[in-house]
Amino acid sequence: MAEKHLHSSDPELAGVPSRHSSSEKKHDAYMEGAAVLGGEDEAAKYGYVSRGLKSRHIQFIALGGTIGTGLFLGIGNAFTHAGPLSVLLGYTFTGIAIFAMMQCLGEMATWLPLPGAIPQFCARYVDDALGFAVGWNNWYAASITLCAEISAAALVIGFWEGAQSVNVAVWISIIWVVIIFLNIFAVSLYGEAEFWFASLKIITIVGLLIMAFIVDLGGNPHHERLGFRYWKNPGAMKEYPPQVHGDLGRFLGLFSTLVNAAFSYGGVEMVAVAAGEAENPRKNIPKAVRRVFWRILFFYVLGSLAIGVLVSSEDKGLLDAQADGRSDAAASPWVIGIKNAGISVLPSIINAVILTSATSSGNAFLYSGSRYLYALAQNRQAPRIFLTCSKKGVPYYAVGMTAIIGALTYLSVDSNGGAAKAFGWFQNLTTIAGLFTWCSICIAYLRFYKALKAQGVDRNTLVFKSKFQPYTAWFALIYFAIIIIFNGFAVFIKGNWDVSDFIAAYIGIPIFFLLYGGWKIVKRPKIIKPMEADLTTGKAALDAEDEHWQRIYKPPATIIEKFWDWLV
């Protein structure tokens, strides 16, 4: 099905159909809710989410949503362990697998854009037990990551003079309240906040890439051309762990970056979670999925390359920051590299961006966690009360339950006590949850692919058809499974054994399979046969709404409108 072009005299509306009236939107939500929830009585009782995310919200969530402190700070850890070339290769290889996974998710989410999406796809196409395991695993991971981002944002504020004298619990409280405010009233408020947060991240990354290019070629106060000197000394690929030497050590160093990169890409699937609340999803979701490629290229691949030419992997400032556990701009390889070049104004600017990135990521994870809980309630795998929506279409009980977990952030305040250690353990439990989510998406897609074939649906008729299937899905599934199995390889190296590191690396595996096995034992669901997979529940209402969007679709007329239509 060819995508059509759009029009309006207002650039904000260019390429977008004229707005539904409030009553029409409520009617559309009611009809969609009745189809998905199982009847008009259910829709009247609980309400339904609202399609309040505009095209620009979805596009910028795809480009910059959920990018928190990892890109600005976490990459430094991989850099010191493995060297610049290993980081570049690790982020590139993982980026390819992420893009492959997103192609699978994009095809499913365009066919049936549901709120929460991923647990529902698993339950519809594979097995109820997989939907249960993925949904609760994702909800837990999103809730704890919310805590981690709030904690990171609060600590980042301490970088500025005068802020250190204020108890960090005060900053935690302020950030927590702001994030809840952005989620509890209307999904459009969340979308608007993410649009501006993502815009700031994109502008910052583009600015840093341009600055890195200029500095590398000698456009710095020292008038010194850096080139690739740091790739020669101390070397492009370092041995890790230190006691393993030669090619094996360099290979293990490269593999360690795959693990780090996988964690940095966490949350990239957010665009599909938001598909159930997006305007005109059959147009906006495919466009957003395609733009994940540019997010991977500009943010991660070119970003890791830029860091590699700016700073040495054995820079004393970087090593000291890693050893001290710093989590502000002082630990950012971007800041260290630019300061070494003689530019002193950057740290406060980057610290402000890290603060907004952490807040934005917390905002996104509260949203996604609440929608995973909502999806579980739709699957009857969580209390039905979590389906209850406000008049604005916000599932406020699901938002509230997820937000309450944010109170665990206060455990991190006691930096020397058992509470902080407990908080650290909670975080460790989330480390491979994202990898299980991506594996589950690939498995769901493989079953979706078979179901389409079994039920006579020609993939050439789909609005969004991913390429090279099912090999794309198999590649991503195997890649992520390898990282899950070997992510804790370092503890098995002679002299490197540590019980806590082993548990941190692998505790997520039994948790996931306990969730899966528990539901399997209690409810005894069968693996769904391709011919019996539910491809259609809720689709008729979405198709009718899609026809309405296409019917009032008008092409952009001016250059400004055409540019805006291309951009968002």
Protein backbone atom coordinates (compact mmCIF):
# COMPACT_ATOMS: atom_id res chain seq x y z
CA MET A 1 0.00 0.00 0.00
CA ALA A 2 1.62 3.24 -1.07
CA GLU A 3 2.00 6.01 1.46
CA LYS A 4 0.08 9.16 0.55
CA HIS A 5 1.17 12.77 0.93
CA LEU A 6 -0.58 15.37 3.04
CA HIS A 7 -1.37 19.11 3.27
CA SER A 8 -2.36 22.03 5.48
CA SER A 9 -1.72 25.74 5.52
CA ASP A 10 -0.17 25.40 8.98
CA PRO A 11 3.33 23.80 8.97
CA GLU A 12 2.46 22.00 12.22
CA LEU A 13 -0.41 20.32 10.39
CA ALA A 14 1.35 19.80 7.06
CA GLY A 15 1.15 16.19 6.08
CA VAL A 16 -1.43 15.57 8.80
CA PRO A 17 -5.17 15.22 8.42
CA SER A 18 -7.38 17.87 9.96
CA ARG A 19 -7.97 17.28 13.67
CA HIS A 20 -10.83 15.14 14.87
CA SER A 21 -13.27 17.01 17.08
CA SER A 22 -13.17 16.10 20.75
CA SER A 23 -16.40 14.10 20.44
CA GLU A 24 -15.09 12.23 17.36
CA LYS A 25 -11.86 11.32 19.20
CA LYS A 26 -13.82 10.02 22.18
CA HIS A 27 -16.08 8.00 19.87
CA ASP A 28 -13.06 6.53 18.02
CA ALA A 29 -11.40 5.61 21.33
CA TYR A 30 -14.65 4.03 22.56
CA MET A 31 -15.07 1.92 19.42
CA GLU A 32 -11.43 0.85 19.41
CA GLY A 33 -11.66 0.03 23.12
CA ALA A 34 -14.82 -2.02 22.59
CA ALA A 35 -13.07 -4.04 19.87
CA VAL A 36 -9.88 -4.66 21.85
CA LEU A 37 -11.31 -5.08 25.36
CA GLY A 38 -14.05 -7.47 24.30
CA GLY A 39 -17.26 -5.45 24.18
CA GLU A 40 -18.93 -2.09 24.67
CA ASP A 41 -19.65 -2.83 28.34
CA GLU A 42 -15.92 -3.20 29.03
CA ALA A 43 -15.13 -0.03 27.10
CA ALA A 44 -17.82 1.90 29.02
CA LYS A 45 -16.56 0.55 32.35
CA TYR A 46 -12.84 1.19 31.90
CA GLY A 47 -12.54 3.73 29.10
CA TYR A 48 -9.66 3.46 26.64
CA VAL A 49 -6.39 5.20 25.84
CA SER A 50 -6.45 8.21 23.54
CA ARG A 51 -4.53 8.62 20.29
CA GLY A 52 -3.01 11.89 21.44
CA LEU A 53 0.58 11.49 20.19
CA LYS A 54 1.14 13.60 17.08
CA SER A 55 3.46 12.64 14.26
CA ARG A 56 6.26 14.88 15.54
CA HIS A 57 5.98 13.28 18.99
CA ILE A 58 6.37 9.79 17.54
CA GLN A 59 9.24 10.76 15.22
CA PHE A 60 11.25 12.39 17.99
CA ILE A 61 10.51 9.59 20.45
CA ALA A 62 12.03 7.28 17.81
CA LEU A 63 15.07 9.52 17.34
CA GLY A 64 15.85 10.49 20.91
CA GLY A 65 13.45 8.87 23.36
CA THR A 66 14.87 6.84 26.32
CA ILE A 67 18.45 8.00 25.64
CA GLY A 68 19.62 8.76 29.15
CA THR A 69 23.02 8.97 30.77
CA GLY A 70 24.46 5.92 28.98
CA LEU A 71 25.47 7.71 25.78
CA PHE A 72 27.16 10.59 27.62
CA LEU A 73 28.61 8.69 30.60
CA GLY A 74 28.21 4.90 30.37
CA ILE A 75 30.15 4.64 27.12
CA GLY A 76 33.26 5.77 29.02
CA ASN A 77 33.38 2.47 30.91
CA ALA A 78 33.46 0.40 27.70
CA PHE A 79 36.00 2.82 26.26
CA THR A 80 38.53 2.39 29.10
CA HIS A 81 38.18 -1.41 29.05
CA ALA A 82 38.25 -2.14 25.33
CA GLY A 83 39.66 0.81 23.37
CA PRO A 84 38.22 3.02 20.62
CA LEU A 85 38.00 0.56 17.72
CA SER A 86 36.35 -2.11 19.87
CA VAL A 87 33.73 0.40 21.04
CA LEU A 88 33.07 1.55 17.48
CA LEU A 89 32.69 -2.03 16.24
CA GLY A 90 30.63 -3.10 19.26
CA TYR A 91 28.13 -0.28 18.88
CA THR A 92 27.97 -0.82 15.11
CA PHE A 93 27.36 -4.59 15.31
CA THR A 94 24.75 -4.18 18.03
CA GLY A 95 23.15 -1.32 16.11
CA ILE A 96 22.69 -3.59 13.09
CA ALA A 97 20.97 -6.21 15.28
CA ILE A 98 18.79 -3.51 16.89
CA PHE A 99 17.73 -2.24 13.47
CA ALA A 100 16.88 -5.82 12.41
CA MET A 101 14.76 -6.28 15.54
CA MET A 102 13.01 -2.95 14.98
CA GLN A 103 12.10 -4.01 11.45
CA CYS A 104 10.27 -6.99 12.94
CA LEU A 105 8.56 -4.87 15.58
CA GLY A 106 7.63 -2.18 13.06
CA GLU A 107 5.81 -4.66 10.84
CA MET A 108 3.77 -6.04 13.75
CA ALA A 109 3.06 -2.62 15.28
CA THR A 110 1.88 -1.22 11.93
CA TRP A 111 -0.41 -4.19 11.34
CA LEU A 112 -1.96 -3.84 14.80
CA PRO A 113 -0.87 -0.75 16.80
CA LEU A 114 -1.88 -1.62 20.36
CA PRO A 115 -1.01 0.16 23.64
CA GLY A 116 1.88 -1.67 25.30
CA ALA A 117 2.16 -3.79 22.15
CA ILE A 118 4.94 -6.25 22.98
CA PRO A 119 3.25 -8.42 25.66
CA GLN A 120 0.14 -8.52 23.48
CA PHE A 121 2.06 -9.63 20.39
CA CYS A 122 3.73 -12.41 22.39
CA ALA A 123 0.39 -13.56 23.88
CA ARG A 124 -1.44 -13.43 20.52
CA TYR A 125 1.16 -15.08 18.30
CA VAL A 126 3.28 -17.33 20.55
CA ASP A 127 1.99 -18.25 23.98
CA ASP A 128 0.12 -16.65 26.90
CA ALA A 129 3.03 -17.54 29.17
CA LEU A 130 5.52 -15.59 27.02
CA GLY A 131 3.20 -12.56 27.09
CA PHE A 132 3.05 -12.83 30.89
CA ALA A 133 6.83 -13.18 31.29
CA VAL A 134 7.67 -10.36 28.88
CA GLY A 135 5.03 -8.02 30.31
CA TRP A 136 6.02 -8.35 33.96
CA ASN A 137 9.72 -8.45 33.16
CA ASN A 138 9.38 -5.24 31.14
CA TRP A 139 7.25 -3.55 33.78
CA TYR A 140 9.77 -4.34 36.50
CA ALA A 141 12.72 -3.25 34.34
CA ALA A 142 11.01 0.02 33.35
CA SER A 143 10.09 0.78 36.97
CA ILE A 144 13.61 0.23 38.28
CA THR A 145 15.19 2.07 35.35
CA LEU A 146 12.88 4.97 36.24
CA CYS A 147 14.50 4.93 39.68
CA ALA A 148 18.01 4.74 38.20
CA GLU A 149 17.40 7.73 35.92
CA ILE A 150 15.88 9.82 38.72
CA SER A 151 18.90 8.98 40.90
CA ALA A 152 21.32 9.86 38.09
CA ALA A 153 19.55 13.17 37.43
CA ALA A 154 19.65 14.08 41.13
CA LEU A 155 23.38 13.30 41.38
CA VAL A 156 24.15 15.27 38.21
CA ILE A 157 22.71 18.41 39.82
CA GLY A 158 25.45 18.15 42.45
CA PHE A 159 28.01 19.07 39.78
CA TRP A 160 27.14 22.74 40.16
CA GLU A 161 28.42 24.85 43.05
CA GLY A 162 25.84 25.46 45.74
CA ALA A 163 23.86 22.33 44.92
CA GLN A 164 26.11 20.06 47.00
CA SER A 165 24.81 21.56 50.23
CA VAL A 166 21.25 20.46 49.44
CA ASN A 167 20.32 16.90 50.40
CA VAL A 168 20.06 14.79 47.24
CA ALA A 169 16.64 13.55 48.44
CA VAL A 170 15.28 17.05 47.68
CA TRP A 171 16.37 16.80 44.04
CA ILE A 172 14.98 13.26 43.82
CA SER A 173 11.61 14.51 45.07
CA ILE A 174 11.46 17.40 42.60
CA ILE A 175 12.39 15.25 39.59
CA TRP A 176 9.99 12.48 40.65
CA VAL A 177 7.07 14.93 40.91
CA VAL A 178 7.91 16.51 37.53
CA ILE A 179 7.96 13.11 35.80
CA ILE A 180 4.63 12.09 37.37
CA PHE A 181 3.13 15.45 36.32
CA LEU A 182 4.18 14.85 32.70
CA ASN A 183 2.46 11.44 32.65
CA ILE A 184 -0.71 11.69 34.72
CA PHE A 185 -2.83 14.29 32.89
CA ALA A 186 -2.71 13.55 29.14
CA VAL A 187 -0.52 11.51 26.81
CA SER A 188 -0.07 14.63 24.66
CA LEU A 189 1.74 16.29 27.58
CA TYR A 190 4.15 13.34 27.75
CA GLY A 191 4.62 13.53 23.98
CA GLU A 192 5.26 17.27 24.04
CA ALA A 193 7.88 16.90 26.79
CA GLU A 194 9.64 14.09 24.89
CA PHE A 195 9.61 16.17 21.69
CA TRP A 196 11.53 19.00 23.34
CA PHE A 197 13.79 16.70 25.37
CA ALA A 198 14.68 14.71 22.24
CA SER A 199 15.23 17.93 20.27
CA LEU A 200 17.79 19.03 22.86
CA LYS A 201 19.57 15.66 22.73
CA ILE A 202 19.70 15.71 18.92
CA ILE A 203 21.01 19.28 18.79
CA THR A 204 23.64 18.44 21.41
CA ILE A 205 24.86 15.30 19.64
CA VAL A 206 25.03 17.04 16.27
CA GLY A 207 26.92 19.94 17.91
CA LEU A 208 29.35 17.56 19.62
CA LEU A 209 30.00 15.67 16.37
CA ILE A 210 30.74 18.90 14.52
CA MET A 211 32.97 20.09 17.38
CA ALA A 212 34.82 16.76 17.49
CA PHE A 213 35.47 16.97 13.74
CA ILE A 214 36.82 20.52 14.04
CA VAL A 215 38.95 19.76 17.10
CA ASP A 216 40.35 16.61 15.50
CA LEU A 217 41.50 18.57 12.44
CA GLY A 218 43.27 21.17 14.58
CA GLY A 219 40.54 23.75 15.16
CA ASN A 220 41.28 24.06 18.88
CA PRO A 221 43.15 26.53 21.12
CA HIS A 222 46.31 24.40 20.83
CA HIS A 223 46.09 24.36 17.00
CA GLU A 224 47.05 20.72 17.22
CA ARG A 225 45.76 18.10 14.80
CA LEU A 226 44.74 14.97 16.72
CA GLY A 227 44.00 12.58 13.87
CA PHE A 228 43.86 8.97 15.07
CA ARG A 229 46.81 9.20 17.44
CA TYR A 230 44.91 7.53 20.28
CA TRP A 231 44.24 4.51 18.08
CA LYS A 232 48.01 3.96 17.84
CA ASN A 233 48.93 4.63 21.44
CA PRO A 234 47.66 3.01 23.69
CA GLY A 235 46.01 1.07 20.84
CA ALA A 236 42.73 0.67 18.99
CA MET A 237 41.75 -2.62 20.67
CA LYS A 238 42.68 -3.29 24.29
CA GLU A 239 42.93 -6.62 26.06
CA TYR A 240 40.17 -7.35 28.55
CA PRO A 241 40.21 -8.72 31.20
CA PRO A 242 43.82 -7.53 31.73
CA GLN A 243 45.10 -11.05 32.51
CA VAL A 244 44.07 -12.32 29.05
CA HIS A 245 46.58 -11.38 26.36
CA GLY A 246 46.92 -11.42 22.60
CA ASP A 247 44.11 -11.91 20.09
CA LEU A 248 41.88 -13.63 22.66
CA GLY A 249 42.16 -10.65 25.01
CA ARG A 250 41.30 -8.22 22.22
CA PHE A 251 38.35 -10.37 21.13
CA LEU A 252 37.01 -10.50 24.69
CA GLY A 253 37.46 -6.73 24.93
CA LEU A 254 35.36 -6.37 21.78
CA PHE A 255 32.72 -8.75 23.17
CA SER A 256 32.50 -6.73 26.39
CA THR A 257 31.47 -3.70 24.30
CA LEU A 258 28.58 -5.69 22.79
CA VAL A 259 27.17 -6.07 26.29
CA ASN A 260 27.66 -2.38 27.07
CA ALA A 261 26.17 -1.33 23.73
CA ALA A 262 23.10 -3.52 24.26
CA PHE A 263 22.42 -1.72 27.54
CA SER A 264 22.95 1.70 25.90
CA TYR A 265 20.35 0.89 23.24
CA GLY A 266 17.81 0.00 25.94
CA GLY A 267 14.32 1.38 25.34
CA VAL A 268 14.70 1.70 21.56
CA GLU A 269 11.45 -0.29 21.23
CA MET A 270 9.55 2.58 22.90
CA VAL A 271 8.08 3.74 19.58
CA ALA A 272 6.05 0.51 19.32
CA VAL A 273 4.85 0.83 22.93
CA ALA A 274 3.50 4.27 21.97
CA ALA A 275 1.90 3.00 18.73
CA GLY A 276 -1.41 2.38 20.49
CA GLU A 277 -1.68 6.10 21.30
CA ALA A 278 -0.33 7.54 18.06
CA GLU A 279 -2.35 9.53 15.56
CA ASN A 280 -2.48 7.88 12.14
CA PRO A 281 -0.20 4.98 13.22
CA ARG A 282 -0.20 3.31 9.80
CA LYS A 283 1.77 6.29 8.46
CA ASN A 284 3.70 7.46 11.52
CA ILE A 285 5.01 4.16 12.88
CA PRO A 286 6.75 3.00 9.65
CA LYS A 287 8.38 6.42 9.31
CA ALA A 288 9.55 6.31 12.94
CA VAL A 289 10.93 2.76 12.63
CA ARG A 290 12.94 3.74 9.55
CA ARG A 291 14.41 6.68 11.46
CA VAL A 292 15.82 4.38 14.11
CA PHE A 293 18.61 3.81 11.55
CA TRP A 294 19.64 7.47 11.80
CA ARG A 295 19.46 7.33 15.58
CA ILE A 296 21.88 4.39 15.54
CA LEU A 297 24.21 6.02 13.00
CA PHE A 298 24.41 9.54 14.42
CA PHE A 299 24.03 8.94 18.13
CA TYR A 300 25.98 5.75 18.65
CA VAL A 301 28.24 4.90 15.69
CA LEU A 302 29.48 8.39 14.87
CA GLY A 303 29.37 9.28 18.57
CA SER A 304 31.68 6.40 19.52
CA LEU A 305 34.00 7.31 16.63
CA ALA A 306 34.13 10.94 17.80
CA ILE A 307 35.01 9.95 21.36
CA GLY A 308 37.76 7.67 20.03
CA VAL A 309 39.57 10.54 18.33
CA LEU A 310 39.06 13.05 21.16
CA VAL A 311 40.37 11.20 24.19
CA SER A 312 42.75 8.38 25.01
CA SER A 313 41.29 5.24 26.56
CA GLU A 314 44.00 5.58 29.21
CA ASP A 315 43.42 9.26 29.94
CA LYS A 316 44.05 9.86 33.66
CA GLY A 317 40.95 12.01 34.08
CA LEU A 318 38.76 9.33 32.52
CA LEU A 319 40.29 6.51 34.56
CA ASP A 320 40.04 8.51 37.81
CA ALA A 321 36.37 9.36 37.12
CA GLN A 322 35.62 5.67 36.49
CA ALA A 323 37.46 4.63 39.66
CA ASP A 324 35.61 7.24 41.76
CA GLY A 325 32.23 6.24 40.34
CA ARG A 326 31.51 9.80 39.17
CA SER A 327 28.13 10.27 37.46
CA ASP A 328 28.26 13.91 36.36
CA ALA A 329 29.93 15.76 33.49
CA ALA A 330 33.36 15.19 35.05
CA ALA A 331 33.08 11.51 34.04
CA SER A 332 31.96 12.17 30.45
CA PRO A 333 34.56 11.25 27.82
CA TRP A 334 33.10 14.06 25.70
CA VAL A 335 33.92 16.63 28.39
CA ILE A 336 37.36 15.19 29.15
CA GLY A 337 38.31 15.15 25.46
CA ILE A 338 37.18 18.73 24.84
CA LYS A 339 38.86 20.00 28.06
CA ASN A 340 42.10 18.32 26.96
CA ALA A 341 41.81 20.28 23.72
CA GLY A 342 41.72 23.52 25.75
CA ILE A 343 38.00 24.35 25.58
CA SER A 344 36.73 25.05 29.11
CA VAL A 345 33.11 26.15 28.66
CA LEU A 346 31.69 22.74 27.84
CA PRO A 347 31.31 20.91 31.20
CA SER A 348 28.32 22.89 32.49
CA ILE A 349 26.56 22.65 29.13
CA ILE A 350 27.04 18.88 28.94
CA ASN A 351 26.00 18.50 32.56
CA ALA A 352 22.74 20.31 31.77
CA VAL A 353 22.17 17.99 28.82
CA ILE A 354 22.91 14.93 30.98
CA LEU A 355 20.35 16.22 33.50
CA THR A 356 17.65 16.69 30.87
CA SER A 357 18.54 13.34 29.26
CA ALA A 358 18.16 11.51 32.56
CA THR A 359 14.86 13.29 33.27
CA SER A 360 13.63 12.54 29.76
CA SER A 361 14.58 8.89 30.09
CA GLY A 362 12.80 8.66 33.44
CA ASN A 363 9.74 10.24 31.85
CA ALA A 364 9.83 7.67 29.02
CA PHE A 365 10.26 4.69 31.36
CA LEU A 366 7.33 5.77 33.55
CA TYR A 367 5.23 5.96 30.39
CA SER A 368 6.39 2.58 29.04
CA GLY A 369 6.10 0.85 32.42
CA SER A 370 2.51 1.99 32.83
CA ARG A 371 1.61 0.84 29.30
CA TYR A 372 3.18 -2.59 29.88
CA LEU A 373 0.99 -2.89 32.98
CA TYR A 374 -2.00 -1.77 30.91
CA ALA A 375 -1.20 -4.41 28.27
CA LEU A 376 -0.96 -7.11 30.96
CA ALA A 377 -4.39 -6.11 32.25
CA GLN A 378 -5.75 -6.38 28.69
CA ASN A 379 -4.31 -9.91 28.54
CA ARG A 380 -5.98 -10.66 31.92
CA GLN A 381 -2.53 -11.21 33.44
CA ALA A 382 -2.77 -8.24 35.81
CA PRO A 383 -5.74 -6.84 37.80
CA ARG A 384 -8.34 -5.30 35.48
CA ILE A 385 -8.31 -2.09 37.51
CA PHE A 386 -5.17 -1.13 35.60
CA LEU A 387 -7.34 -0.75 32.48
CA THR A 388 -9.14 2.22 34.04
CA CYS A 389 -8.52 5.40 32.04
CA SER A 390 -9.27 9.05 32.71
CA LYS A 391 -11.41 11.14 30.37
CA LYS A 392 -8.14 12.12 28.67
CA GLY A 393 -7.32 8.45 28.06
CA VAL A 394 -4.58 8.07 30.69
CA PRO A 395 -4.51 4.70 32.55
CA TYR A 396 -3.94 6.48 35.85
CA TYR A 397 -3.88 3.42 38.12
CA ALA A 398 -1.16 1.88 35.91
CA VAL A 399 0.76 5.19 35.96
CA GLY A 400 0.35 5.45 39.74
CA MET A 401 1.49 1.88 40.41
CA THR A 402 4.60 2.35 38.27
CA ALA A 403 5.33 5.77 39.80
CA ILE A 404 5.13 4.35 43.33
CA ILE A 405 8.15 2.14 42.54
CA GLY A 406 10.03 5.42 42.02
CA ALA A 407 10.10 5.77 45.82
CA LEU A 408 12.85 3.11 45.82
CA THR A 409 15.13 5.85 44.50
CA TYR A 410 15.45 7.15 48.07
CA LEU A 411 17.40 3.98 48.90
CA SER A 412 20.27 5.37 46.84
CA VAL A 413 20.64 8.35 49.19
CA ASP A 414 22.32 6.23 51.88
CA SER A 415 25.55 5.95 49.90
CA ASN A 416 27.45 3.94 52.52
CA GLY A 417 24.69 1.75 53.89
CA GLY A 418 22.81 -1.39 53.09
CA ALA A 419 19.96 0.53 51.46
CA ALA A 420 22.26 1.73 48.66
CA LYS A 421 23.53 -1.82 48.15
CA ALA A 422 19.94 -3.04 47.96
CA PHE A 423 19.20 -0.40 45.33
CA GLY A 424 22.24 -1.57 43.38
CA TRP A 425 20.93 -5.13 43.44
CA PHE A 426 17.55 -3.98 42.13
CA GLN A 427 19.34 -2.33 39.22
CA ASN A 428 21.38 -5.46 38.52
CA LEU A 429 18.17 -7.43 38.05
CA THR A 430 17.28 -5.25 35.05
CA THR A 431 20.56 -5.62 33.19
CA ILE A 432 19.44 -8.25 30.67
CA ALA A 433 15.68 -7.62 30.79
CA GLY A 434 15.96 -5.57 27.60
CA LEU A 435 17.76 -8.39 25.81
CA PHE A 436 14.97 -10.80 26.74
CA THR A 437 12.45 -8.27 25.40
CA TRP A 438 14.26 -8.07 22.06
CA CYS A 439 14.52 -11.86 21.83
CA SER A 440 10.79 -12.12 22.57
CA ILE A 441 10.01 -9.58 19.83
CA CYS A 442 11.95 -11.69 17.32
CA ILE A 443 10.19 -14.89 18.45
CA ALA A 444 6.79 -13.17 18.24
CA TYR A 445 7.64 -11.95 14.75
CA LEU A 446 8.64 -15.42 13.55
CA ARG A 447 5.25 -16.72 14.70
CA PHE A 448 3.51 -13.66 13.21
CA TYR A 449 5.28 -14.36 9.91
CA LYS A 450 4.05 -17.97 9.95
CA ALA A 451 0.53 -16.89 10.95
CA LEU A 452 0.27 -14.48 8.01
CA LYS A 453 1.33 -17.26 5.67
CA ALA A 454 -1.01 -19.85 7.23
CA GLN A 455 -4.00 -17.49 7.14
CA GLY A 456 -3.44 -16.38 3.57
CA VAL A 457 -2.33 -12.79 4.20
CA ASP A 458 0.05 -11.60 1.47
CA ARG A 459 2.88 -9.61 3.07
CA ASN A 460 3.14 -7.52 -0.10
CA THR A 461 -0.18 -5.92 0.88
CA LEU A 462 1.15 -4.73 4.27
CA VAL A 463 1.63 -1.02 4.89
CA PHE A 464 5.10 -1.77 6.29
CA LYS A 465 6.92 -4.90 5.09
CA SER A 466 10.31 -5.57 6.65
CA LYS A 467 13.04 -6.93 4.40
CA PHE A 468 14.84 -10.28 4.21
CA GLN A 469 12.43 -12.08 6.52
CA PRO A 470 12.51 -14.43 8.33
CA TYR A 471 16.34 -14.29 8.21
CA THR A 472 16.40 -10.77 9.69
CA ALA A 473 14.49 -12.00 12.75
CA TRP A 474 16.66 -15.10 13.15
CA PHE A 475 19.86 -13.02 12.96
CA ALA A 476 18.71 -10.60 15.67
CA LEU A 477 17.39 -13.42 17.89
CA ILE A 478 20.66 -15.39 17.77
CA TYR A 479 22.75 -12.24 18.31
CA PHE A 480 20.85 -11.18 21.44
CA ALA A 481 20.75 -14.74 22.79
CA ILE A 482 24.56 -14.97 22.54
CA ILE A 483 24.92 -11.76 24.56
CA ILE A 484 22.52 -13.08 27.23
CA ILE A 485 24.44 -16.34 27.58
CA PHE A 486 27.95 -14.88 27.62
CA ASN A 487 27.37 -11.42 29.16
CA GLY A 488 29.14 -12.44 32.37
CA PHE A 489 32.11 -14.12 30.68
CA ALA A 490 34.67 -12.11 32.68
CA VAL A 491 33.88 -13.93 35.95
CA PHE A 492 34.93 -17.25 34.40
CA ILE A 493 38.43 -16.02 33.60
CA LYS A 494 40.99 -17.53 35.99
CA GLY A 495 41.52 -15.27 39.00
CA ASN A 496 38.45 -13.18 38.16
CA TRP A 497 35.71 -15.14 39.95
CA ASP A 498 33.31 -13.02 41.99
CA VAL A 499 29.97 -14.32 43.28
CA SER A 500 28.24 -10.93 43.24
CA ASP A 501 29.35 -10.24 39.65
CA PHE A 502 28.14 -13.69 38.58
CA ILE A 503 24.72 -13.16 40.16
CA ALA A 504 24.44 -9.65 38.70
CA ALA A 505 25.17 -11.02 35.22
CA TYR A 506 22.85 -14.03 35.30
CA ILE A 507 20.07 -13.55 37.89
CA GLY A 508 17.81 -12.15 35.16
CA ILE A 509 17.75 -15.50 33.33
CA PRO A 510 16.07 -17.60 36.07
CA ILE A 511 13.71 -14.70 36.88
CA PHE A 512 12.45 -14.60 33.30
CA PHE A 513 12.02 -18.36 33.06
CA LEU A 514 10.35 -18.51 36.48
CA LEU A 515 7.77 -16.02 35.23
CA TYR A 516 7.29 -18.03 32.04
CA GLY A 517 7.24 -21.41 33.78
CA GLY A 518 5.00 -20.21 36.61
CA TRP A 519 2.25 -19.06 34.24
CA LYS A 520 2.72 -22.21 32.16
CA ILE A 521 2.26 -24.46 35.19
CA VAL A 522 -0.69 -22.57 36.69
CA LYS A 523 -2.67 -21.81 33.50
CA ARG A 524 -1.30 -24.50 31.16
CA PRO A 525 -1.62 -22.44 27.96
CA LYS A 526 -0.67 -24.15 24.71
CA ILE A 527 1.72 -22.84 22.08
CA ILE A 528 -0.50 -21.05 19.56
CA LYS A 529 -0.65 -22.64 16.11
CA PRO A 530 -0.10 -20.22 13.20
CA MET A 531 -3.58 -20.93 11.85
CA GLU A 532 -5.12 -20.06 15.24
CA ALA A 533 -3.09 -16.91 15.98
CA ASP A 534 -5.28 -13.85 16.59
CA LEU A 535 -4.37 -11.44 13.80
CA THR A 536 -7.65 -9.57 13.66
CA THR A 537 -9.14 -8.65 17.07
CA GLY A 538 -9.25 -4.85 17.15
CA LYS A 539 -8.04 -4.50 13.56
CA ALA A 540 -11.40 -3.60 12.00
CA ALA A 541 -11.77 -0.50 14.19
CA LEU A 542 -8.19 0.52 13.38
CA ASP A 543 -8.78 -0.03 9.66
CA ALA A 544 -11.89 2.16 9.79
CA GLU A 545 -9.99 4.93 11.54
CA ASP A 546 -7.13 4.57 9.05
CA GLU A 547 -9.57 4.98 6.16
CA HIS A 548 -10.82 8.17 7.80
CA TRP A 549 -7.25 9.53 8.03
CA GLN A 550 -6.59 8.67 4.39
CA ARG A 551 -9.88 10.19 3.22
CA ILE A 552 -9.11 13.63 4.69
CA TYR A 553 -5.44 13.46 3.73
CA LYS A 554 -4.14 16.48 1.77
CA PRO A 555 -0.65 16.99 0.29
CA PRO A 556 1.70 19.73 1.56
CA ALA A 557 1.67 22.73 -0.77
CA THR A 558 4.60 24.97 0.22
CA ILE A 559 8.30 24.29 0.64
CA ILE A 560 8.00 24.83 4.41
CA GLU A 561 5.13 22.37 4.65
CA LYS A 562 7.03 19.79 2.57
CA PHE A 563 10.11 20.16 4.78
CA TRP A 564 8.00 19.83 7.94
CA ASP A 565 6.26 16.77 6.51
CA TRP A 566 9.65 15.19 5.78
CA LEU A 567 11.01 16.11 9.22
CA VAL A 568 8.10 14.95 11.38
